[in-house]
Amino acid sequence: NLNQQVDAFLKHLVELPVHESGFQDKVNTLHNLGQNSVKKSARLSHRLLSRSLNQLGDDEESQNISNNLVQLKQTLDSLNPANNQKFFAVRKFLRFLPMGDKVENYFDKYKSSEDHINTILTSLENGKDELIKDNIALERDKRAMWDTMQELEQYSYIGQQLSSKVEDMIADLRYKDEQKARVLEEEVLFYLKQKSTDLMTQQAVSVQAYMSLDLIRRNNLELIKGVDRALMTTVSALQTAMVVVQA
């Protein structure tokens, strides 16, 4: 229980003479409260925020997927029978009618585009695989950040409880042991307040890093959905339309 740990620490602290090394050791413990977690969080936040900026600003994989989706859409639009209705106005005796050669040209155009479409689809499949791997790594980083945020929250709570209770102790000691009250105020309370501020600031930075990871993960998911739609629905729809037109 954190409250019990706080009470036990302060009880021991107030019982120690201020000139003994044990008292200074306790004070040094307060100076280092949560320091390892702060350092770990700072390193992780810096790495993740830098990654977020790079990925959102100049993510080659996402850009390639977006470009391929645009190219695929343009290619499919150009082949969409609905956009080439004038070629199919005449349905009989195609080779002997003025529009017949245009219909044959249309199917030739489709056949010549198949290799290009397949190349785009292969690139999209590869890009999707990379996004899935990236999201797995993001989830791992999110878990690590979450654990660090939990540590910071605990230390922040301890720091706030210590500050509040040390203030009460100082108020009680002012009339009993003025010297000890002054030492506690200058050597303990002052640094506790600083430490609490540092911990809360690092918490805020960690939250921003965590949210940035979630933003990237959601962006990746949207791209994956776009690729799935292109692979499973859009191309199939065009192929179905082509069969109907041929019929």
C-alpha atoms as a PDB file:
ATOM      1  CA  ASN A   1       0.000   0.000   0.000  1.00  0.00           C
ATOM      2  CA  LEU A   2       1.508   3.330  -1.094  1.00  0.00           C
ATOM      3  CA  ASN A   3       0.016   5.312   1.796  1.00  0.00           C
ATOM      4  CA  GLN A   4       1.547   2.922   4.314  1.00  0.00           C
ATOM      5  CA  GLN A   5       4.937   3.258   2.632  1.00  0.00           C
ATOM      6  CA  VAL A   6       4.658   7.058   2.779  1.00  0.00           C
ATOM      7  CA  ASP A   7       3.705   7.034   6.472  1.00  0.00           C
ATOM      8  CA  ALA A   8       6.501   4.613   7.384  1.00  0.00           C
ATOM      9  CA  PHE A   9       9.076   6.695   5.509  1.00  0.00           C
ATOM     10  CA  LEU A  10       8.028   9.964   7.149  1.00  0.00           C
ATOM     11  CA  LYS A  11       7.880   8.401  10.605  1.00  0.00           C
ATOM     12  CA  HIS A  12      11.463   7.234  10.229  1.00  0.00           C
ATOM     13  CA  LEU A  13      12.516  10.576   8.741  1.00  0.00           C
ATOM     14  CA  VAL A  14      11.102  12.708  11.557  1.00  0.00           C
ATOM     15  CA  GLU A  15      12.638  10.472  14.213  1.00  0.00           C
ATOM     16  CA  LEU A  16      16.175  10.854  12.841  1.00  0.00           C
ATOM     17  CA  PRO A  17      18.345  13.740  14.098  1.00  0.00           C
ATOM     18  CA  VAL A  18      18.925  16.197  11.248  1.00  0.00           C
ATOM     19  CA  HIS A  19      22.719  16.058  11.680  1.00  0.00           C
ATOM     20  CA  GLU A  20      23.009  12.303  11.318  1.00  0.00           C
ATOM     21  CA  SER A  21      24.007  10.722   8.019  1.00  0.00           C
ATOM     22  CA  GLY A  22      20.886   8.562   8.110  1.00  0.00           C
ATOM     23  CA  PHE A  23      18.729  11.697   7.825  1.00  0.00           C
ATOM     24  CA  GLN A  24      20.679  12.899   4.802  1.00  0.00           C
ATOM     25  CA  ASP A  25      20.409   9.451   3.237  1.00  0.00           C
ATOM     26  CA  LYS A  26      16.623   9.700   3.562  1.00  0.00           C
ATOM     27  CA  VAL A  27      16.662  13.157   1.983  1.00  0.00           C
ATOM     28  CA  ASN A  28      18.780  11.862  -0.902  1.00  0.00           C
ATOM     29  CA  THR A  29      16.221   9.107  -1.408  1.00  0.00           C
ATOM     30  CA  LEU A  30      13.579  11.801  -1.932  1.00  0.00           C
ATOM     31  CA  HIS A  31      15.807  13.613  -4.421  1.00  0.00           C
ATOM     32  CA  ASN A  32      16.010  10.402  -6.452  1.00  0.00           C
ATOM     33  CA  LEU A  33      12.303   9.580  -6.187  1.00  0.00           C
ATOM     34  CA  GLY A  34      11.188   8.035  -9.481  1.00  0.00           C
ATOM     35  CA  GLN A  35      14.357   9.213 -11.210  1.00  0.00           C
ATOM     36  CA  ASN A  36      14.952   5.952 -13.054  1.00  0.00           C
ATOM     37  CA  SER A  37      11.360   5.929 -14.314  1.00  0.00           C
ATOM     38  CA  VAL A  38      11.676   9.547 -15.441  1.00  0.00           C
ATOM     39  CA  LYS A  39      14.870   8.762 -17.375  1.00  0.00           C
ATOM     40  CA  LYS A  40      13.336   5.653 -18.932  1.00  0.00           C
ATOM     41  CA  SER A  41      10.198   7.555 -19.870  1.00  0.00           C
ATOM     42  CA  ALA A  42      12.207  10.459 -21.313  1.00  0.00           C
ATOM     43  CA  ARG A  43      14.278   8.136 -23.519  1.00  0.00           C
ATOM     44  CA  LEU A  44      11.214   6.223 -24.665  1.00  0.00           C
ATOM     45  CA  SER A  45       9.174   9.387 -25.268  1.00  0.00           C
ATOM     46  CA  HIS A  46      11.981  10.977 -27.283  1.00  0.00           C
ATOM     47  CA  ARG A  47      12.357   7.893 -29.451  1.00  0.00           C
ATOM     48  CA  LEU A  48       8.629   7.471 -29.993  1.00  0.00           C
ATOM     49  CA  LEU A  49       7.916  11.150 -30.658  1.00  0.00           C
ATOM     50  CA  SER A  50      10.824  11.302 -33.110  1.00  0.00           C
ATOM     51  CA  ARG A  51       9.461   8.214 -34.825  1.00  0.00           C
ATOM     52  CA  SER A  52       5.987   9.762 -34.932  1.00  0.00           C
ATOM     53  CA  LEU A  53       7.248  12.959 -36.533  1.00  0.00           C
ATOM     54  CA  ASN A  54       9.246  11.044 -39.106  1.00  0.00           C
ATOM     55  CA  GLN A  55       6.410   8.674 -39.889  1.00  0.00           C
ATOM     56  CA  LEU A  56       3.741  11.343 -40.141  1.00  0.00           C
ATOM     57  CA  GLY A  57       5.969  13.718 -42.076  1.00  0.00           C
ATOM     58  CA  ASP A  58       7.901  11.487 -44.439  1.00  0.00           C
ATOM     59  CA  ASP A  59       6.735   7.890 -44.242  1.00  0.00           C
ATOM     60  CA  GLU A  60       7.941   6.273 -47.465  1.00  0.00           C
ATOM     61  CA  GLU A  61       5.908   3.080 -47.020  1.00  0.00           C
ATOM     62  CA  SER A  62       2.626   4.896 -46.398  1.00  0.00           C
ATOM     63  CA  GLN A  63       3.373   7.288 -49.246  1.00  0.00           C
ATOM     64  CA  ASN A  64       4.033   4.402 -51.623  1.00  0.00           C
ATOM     65  CA  ILE A  65       0.763   2.738 -50.634  1.00  0.00           C
ATOM     66  CA  SER A  66      -1.160   5.976 -51.108  1.00  0.00           C
ATOM     67  CA  ASN A  67       0.435   6.530 -54.529  1.00  0.00           C
ATOM     68  CA  ASN A  68      -0.325   2.947 -55.567  1.00  0.00           C
ATOM     69  CA  LEU A  69      -3.940   3.303 -54.484  1.00  0.00           C
ATOM     70  CA  VAL A  70      -4.238   6.487 -56.539  1.00  0.00           C
ATOM     71  CA  GLN A  71      -2.637   4.821 -59.564  1.00  0.00           C
ATOM     72  CA  LEU A  72      -4.911   1.822 -59.201  1.00  0.00           C
ATOM     73  CA  LYS A  73      -7.995   4.002 -58.975  1.00  0.00           C
ATOM     74  CA  GLN A  74      -6.982   5.982 -62.064  1.00  0.00           C
ATOM     75  CA  THR A  75      -6.298   2.804 -64.015  1.00  0.00           C
ATOM     76  CA  LEU A  76      -9.575   1.184 -62.974  1.00  0.00           C
ATOM     77  CA  ASP A  77     -11.521   4.352 -63.704  1.00  0.00           C
ATOM     78  CA  SER A  78     -10.107   4.414 -67.222  1.00  0.00           C
ATOM     79  CA  LEU A  79     -11.211   0.789 -67.714  1.00  0.00           C
ATOM     80  CA  ASN A  80     -14.572   1.050 -65.966  1.00  0.00           C
ATOM     81  CA  PRO A  81     -17.241   0.065 -68.535  1.00  0.00           C
ATOM     82  CA  ALA A  82     -19.536   2.683 -67.028  1.00  0.00           C
ATOM     83  CA  ASN A  83     -17.052   5.329 -68.170  1.00  0.00           C
ATOM     84  CA  ASN A  84     -16.835   3.816 -71.670  1.00  0.00           C
ATOM     85  CA  GLN A  85     -20.508   3.389 -72.478  1.00  0.00           C
ATOM     86  CA  LYS A  86     -20.205   4.835 -75.974  1.00  0.00           C
ATOM     87  CA  PHE A  87     -18.108   1.808 -76.917  1.00  0.00           C
ATOM     88  CA  PHE A  88     -20.997  -0.550 -76.128  1.00  0.00           C
ATOM     89  CA  ALA A  89     -23.923   1.266 -77.687  1.00  0.00           C
ATOM     90  CA  VAL A  90     -24.005  -1.265 -80.533  1.00  0.00           C
ATOM     91  CA  ARG A  91     -24.170  -4.894 -79.410  1.00  0.00           C
ATOM     92  CA  LYS A  92     -24.458  -6.870 -82.677  1.00  0.00           C
ATOM     93  CA  PHE A  93     -22.202  -7.424 -85.634  1.00  0.00           C
ATOM     94  CA  LEU A  94     -19.407  -5.519 -83.878  1.00  0.00           C
ATOM     95  CA  ARG A  95     -16.834  -6.131 -86.532  1.00  0.00           C
ATOM     96  CA  PHE A  96     -19.067  -4.824 -89.298  1.00  0.00           C
ATOM     97  CA  LEU A  97     -20.283  -1.696 -87.558  1.00  0.00           C
ATOM     98  CA  PRO A  98     -18.414   1.589 -87.096  1.00  0.00           C
ATOM     99  CA  MET A  99     -18.163   1.099 -83.302  1.00  0.00           C
ATOM    100  CA  GLY A 100     -16.939  -2.493 -83.518  1.00  0.00           C
ATOM    101  CA  ASP A 101     -13.256  -1.680 -83.712  1.00  0.00           C
ATOM    102  CA  LYS A 102     -13.601   0.619 -80.704  1.00  0.00           C
ATOM    103  CA  VAL A 103     -15.015  -2.192 -78.600  1.00  0.00           C
ATOM    104  CA  GLU A 104     -12.132  -4.430 -79.615  1.00  0.00           C
ATOM    105  CA  ASN A 105      -9.716  -1.615 -78.823  1.00  0.00           C
ATOM    106  CA  TYR A 106     -11.316  -1.302 -75.399  1.00  0.00           C
ATOM    107  CA  PHE A 107     -10.687  -4.967 -74.585  1.00  0.00           C
ATOM    108  CA  ASP A 108      -7.145  -4.673 -75.894  1.00  0.00           C
ATOM    109  CA  LYS A 109      -6.690  -1.742 -73.556  1.00  0.00           C
ATOM    110  CA  TYR A 110      -7.886  -3.864 -70.638  1.00  0.00           C
ATOM    111  CA  LYS A 111      -5.522  -6.707 -71.510  1.00  0.00           C
ATOM    112  CA  SER A 112      -2.562  -4.349 -71.850  1.00  0.00           C
ATOM    113  CA  SER A 113      -3.392  -2.865 -68.429  1.00  0.00           C
ATOM    114  CA  GLU A 114      -3.526  -6.222 -66.623  1.00  0.00           C
ATOM    115  CA  ASP A 115       0.232  -6.407 -66.038  1.00  0.00           C
ATOM    116  CA  HIS A 116       0.256  -2.864 -64.681  1.00  0.00           C
ATOM    117  CA  ILE A 117      -2.666  -3.644 -62.362  1.00  0.00           C
ATOM    118  CA  ASN A 118      -1.006  -6.837 -61.124  1.00  0.00           C
ATOM    119  CA  THR A 119       2.220  -4.941 -60.401  1.00  0.00           C
ATOM    120  CA  ILE A 120       0.296  -2.378 -58.350  1.00  0.00           C
ATOM    121  CA  LEU A 121      -1.591  -5.118 -56.481  1.00  0.00           C
ATOM    122  CA  THR A 122       1.652  -6.914 -55.616  1.00  0.00           C
ATOM    123  CA  SER A 123       3.154  -3.670 -54.329  1.00  0.00           C
ATOM    124  CA  LEU A 124       0.027  -3.041 -52.249  1.00  0.00           C
ATOM    125  CA  GLU A 125       0.216  -6.541 -50.750  1.00  0.00           C
ATOM    126  CA  ASN A 126       3.853  -5.970 -49.764  1.00  0.00           C
ATOM    127  CA  GLY A 127       3.029  -2.562 -48.324  1.00  0.00           C
ATOM    128  CA  LYS A 128       0.156  -4.007 -46.323  1.00  0.00           C
ATOM    129  CA  ASP A 129       2.487  -6.634 -44.827  1.00  0.00           C
ATOM    130  CA  GLU A 130       4.884  -3.885 -43.752  1.00  0.00           C
ATOM    131  CA  LEU A 131       2.057  -1.902 -42.150  1.00  0.00           C
ATOM    132  CA  ILE A 132       0.912  -4.973 -40.206  1.00  0.00           C
ATOM    133  CA  LYS A 133       4.472  -5.507 -38.939  1.00  0.00           C
ATOM    134  CA  ASP A 134       4.693  -1.830 -38.046  1.00  0.00           C
ATOM    135  CA  ASN A 135       1.461  -2.023 -36.051  1.00  0.00           C
ATOM    136  CA  ILE A 136       2.774  -5.043 -34.130  1.00  0.00           C
ATOM    137  CA  ALA A 137       5.869  -3.011 -33.205  1.00  0.00           C
ATOM    138  CA  LEU A 138       3.658  -0.044 -32.271  1.00  0.00           C
ATOM    139  CA  GLU A 139       1.612  -2.203 -29.901  1.00  0.00           C
ATOM    140  CA  ARG A 140       4.813  -3.387 -28.239  1.00  0.00           C
ATOM    141  CA  ASP A 141       5.997   0.219 -27.815  1.00  0.00           C
ATOM    142  CA  LYS A 142       2.581   1.231 -26.481  1.00  0.00           C
ATOM    143  CA  ARG A 143       2.742  -1.484 -23.813  1.00  0.00           C
ATOM    144  CA  ALA A 144       6.226  -0.344 -22.780  1.00  0.00           C
ATOM    145  CA  MET A 145       5.054   3.275 -22.595  1.00  0.00           C
ATOM    146  CA  TRP A 146       1.932   2.294 -20.663  1.00  0.00           C
ATOM    147  CA  ASP A 147       4.014   0.440 -18.052  1.00  0.00           C
ATOM    148  CA  THR A 148       6.280   3.477 -17.682  1.00  0.00           C
ATOM    149  CA  MET A 149       3.278   5.784 -17.349  1.00  0.00           C
ATOM    150  CA  GLN A 150       1.934   3.574 -14.547  1.00  0.00           C
ATOM    151  CA  GLU A 151       5.268   3.842 -12.721  1.00  0.00           C
ATOM    152  CA  LEU A 152       5.268   7.625 -13.097  1.00  0.00           C
ATOM    153  CA  GLU A 153       1.710   7.822 -11.822  1.00  0.00           C
ATOM    154  CA  GLN A 154       2.653   5.911  -8.691  1.00  0.00           C
ATOM    155  CA  TYR A 155       5.719   8.056  -8.019  1.00  0.00           C
ATOM    156  CA  SER A 156       3.714  11.204  -8.688  1.00  0.00           C
ATOM    157  CA  TYR A 157       1.126  10.101  -6.144  1.00  0.00           C
ATOM    158  CA  ILE A 158       3.861   9.328  -3.601  1.00  0.00           C
ATOM    159  CA  GLY A 159       5.453  12.739  -4.201  1.00  0.00           C
ATOM    160  CA  GLN A 160       2.161  14.563  -3.707  1.00  0.00           C
ATOM    161  CA  GLN A 161       1.343  12.614  -0.542  1.00  0.00           C
ATOM    162  CA  LEU A 162       4.829  13.241   0.863  1.00  0.00           C
ATOM    163  CA  SER A 163       4.560  16.970   0.133  1.00  0.00           C
ATOM    164  CA  SER A 164       1.177  17.267   1.816  1.00  0.00           C
ATOM    165  CA  LYS A 165       2.190  15.315   4.902  1.00  0.00           C
ATOM    166  CA  VAL A 166       5.580  17.022   5.250  1.00  0.00           C
ATOM    167  CA  GLU A 167       3.771  20.377   5.242  1.00  0.00           C
ATOM    168  CA  ASP A 168       1.585  19.151   8.106  1.00  0.00           C
ATOM    169  CA  MET A 169       4.665  17.895   9.966  1.00  0.00           C
ATOM    170  CA  ILE A 170       6.407  21.250   9.540  1.00  0.00           C
ATOM    171  CA  ALA A 171       3.366  23.062  10.938  1.00  0.00           C
ATOM    172  CA  ASP A 172       3.392  20.795  14.011  1.00  0.00           C
ATOM    173  CA  LEU A 173       7.147  21.054  14.537  1.00  0.00           C
ATOM    174  CA  ARG A 174       7.368  24.853  14.303  1.00  0.00           C
ATOM    175  CA  TYR A 175       6.517  25.237  17.965  1.00  0.00           C
ATOM    176  CA  LYS A 176       8.353  22.108  19.166  1.00  0.00           C
ATOM    177  CA  ASP A 177      11.569  21.953  17.165  1.00  0.00           C
ATOM    178  CA  GLU A 178      12.035  25.025  15.000  1.00  0.00           C
ATOM    179  CA  GLN A 179      15.386  23.888  13.631  1.00  0.00           C
ATOM    180  CA  LYS A 180      14.008  20.576  12.415  1.00  0.00           C
ATOM    181  CA  ALA A 181      10.982  22.335  10.928  1.00  0.00           C
ATOM    182  CA  ARG A 182      13.307  24.672   9.015  1.00  0.00           C
ATOM    183  CA  VAL A 183      15.478  21.789   7.753  1.00  0.00           C
ATOM    184  CA  LEU A 184      12.422  19.864   6.620  1.00  0.00           C
ATOM    185  CA  GLU A 185      11.125  22.910   4.788  1.00  0.00           C
ATOM    186  CA  GLU A 186      14.413  23.731   3.067  1.00  0.00           C
ATOM    187  CA  GLU A 187      15.868  20.269   2.500  1.00  0.00           C
ATOM    188  CA  VAL A 188      12.749  18.153   2.042  1.00  0.00           C
ATOM    189  CA  LEU A 189       9.599  20.095   1.147  1.00  0.00           C
ATOM    190  CA  PHE A 190      11.279  22.366  -1.409  1.00  0.00           C
ATOM    191  CA  TYR A 191      12.723  19.447  -3.370  1.00  0.00           C
ATOM    192  CA  LEU A 192       9.573  17.376  -3.003  1.00  0.00           C
ATOM    193  CA  LYS A 193       7.557  20.091  -4.723  1.00  0.00           C
ATOM    194  CA  GLN A 194      10.129  20.275  -7.505  1.00  0.00           C
ATOM    195  CA  LYS A 195      10.092  16.501  -7.853  1.00  0.00           C
ATOM    196  CA  SER A 196       6.286  16.416  -8.046  1.00  0.00           C
ATOM    197  CA  THR A 197       6.349  19.025 -10.802  1.00  0.00           C
ATOM    198  CA  ASP A 198       8.991  17.081 -12.747  1.00  0.00           C
ATOM    199  CA  LEU A 199       7.019  13.844 -12.452  1.00  0.00           C
ATOM    200  CA  MET A 200       3.772  15.437 -13.621  1.00  0.00           C
ATOM    201  CA  THR A 201       5.563  17.100 -16.541  1.00  0.00           C
ATOM    202  CA  GLN A 202       7.062  13.797 -17.633  1.00  0.00           C
ATOM    203  CA  GLN A 203       3.648  12.183 -17.298  1.00  0.00           C
ATOM    204  CA  ALA A 204       2.228  14.748 -19.730  1.00  0.00           C
ATOM    205  CA  VAL A 205       5.055  14.114 -22.225  1.00  0.00           C
ATOM    206  CA  SER A 206       4.483  10.355 -21.955  1.00  0.00           C
ATOM    207  CA  VAL A 207       0.774  10.769 -22.646  1.00  0.00           C
ATOM    208  CA  GLN A 208       1.569  12.771 -25.794  1.00  0.00           C
ATOM    209  CA  ALA A 209       3.972  10.073 -26.984  1.00  0.00           C
ATOM    210  CA  TYR A 210       1.381   7.374 -26.274  1.00  0.00           C
ATOM    211  CA  MET A 211      -1.313   9.274 -28.196  1.00  0.00           C
ATOM    212  CA  SER A 212       1.015   9.821 -31.151  1.00  0.00           C
ATOM    213  CA  LEU A 213       1.593   6.067 -31.364  1.00  0.00           C
ATOM    214  CA  ASP A 214      -2.134   5.471 -31.381  1.00  0.00           C
ATOM    215  CA  LEU A 215      -2.554   8.034 -34.161  1.00  0.00           C
ATOM    216  CA  ILE A 216       0.013   6.242 -36.328  1.00  0.00           C
ATOM    217  CA  ARG A 217      -1.607   2.878 -35.568  1.00  0.00           C
ATOM    218  CA  ARG A 218      -5.024   4.188 -36.659  1.00  0.00           C
ATOM    219  CA  ASN A 219      -3.531   5.686 -39.838  1.00  0.00           C
ATOM    220  CA  ASN A 220      -1.933   2.335 -40.632  1.00  0.00           C
ATOM    221  CA  LEU A 221      -5.244   0.540 -40.055  1.00  0.00           C
ATOM    222  CA  GLU A 222      -7.029   2.899 -42.453  1.00  0.00           C
ATOM    223  CA  LEU A 223      -4.394   2.256 -45.099  1.00  0.00           C
ATOM    224  CA  ILE A 224      -4.685  -1.503 -44.534  1.00  0.00           C
ATOM    225  CA  LYS A 225      -8.464  -1.251 -44.974  1.00  0.00           C
ATOM    226  CA  GLY A 226      -7.939   0.736 -48.175  1.00  0.00           C
ATOM    227  CA  VAL A 227      -5.592  -1.929 -49.513  1.00  0.00           C
ATOM    228  CA  ASP A 228      -8.050  -4.689 -48.584  1.00  0.00           C
ATOM    229  CA  ARG A 229     -10.853  -2.879 -50.391  1.00  0.00           C
ATOM    230  CA  ALA A 230      -8.655  -2.493 -53.464  1.00  0.00           C
ATOM    231  CA  LEU A 231      -7.558  -6.131 -53.405  1.00  0.00           C
ATOM    232  CA  MET A 232     -10.870  -7.776 -52.603  1.00  0.00           C
ATOM    233  CA  THR A 233     -13.616  -5.485 -53.845  1.00  0.00           C
ATOM    234  CA  THR A 234     -12.532  -2.904 -56.406  1.00  0.00           C
ATOM    235  CA  VAL A 235     -10.611  -5.185 -58.753  1.00  0.00           C
ATOM    236  CA  SER A 236     -13.231  -7.941 -58.432  1.00  0.00           C
ATOM    237  CA  ALA A 237     -15.947  -5.432 -59.281  1.00  0.00           C
ATOM    238  CA  LEU A 238     -14.088  -4.383 -62.439  1.00  0.00           C
ATOM    239  CA  GLN A 239     -13.534  -8.009 -63.460  1.00  0.00           C
ATOM    240  CA  THR A 240     -17.231  -8.766 -62.925  1.00  0.00           C
ATOM    241  CA  ALA A 241     -18.179  -5.744 -65.019  1.00  0.00           C
ATOM    242  CA  MET A 242     -15.833  -6.905 -67.755  1.00  0.00           C
ATOM    243  CA  VAL A 243     -17.483 -10.345 -67.857  1.00  0.00           C
ATOM    244  CA  VAL A 244     -20.908  -8.731 -68.125  1.00  0.00           C
ATOM    245  CA  VAL A 245     -19.722  -6.439 -70.926  1.00  0.00           C
ATOM    246  CA  GLN A 246     -18.161  -9.339 -72.827  1.00  0.00           C
ATOM    247  CA  ALA A 247     -21.412 -11.254 -72.481  1.00  0.00           C
END
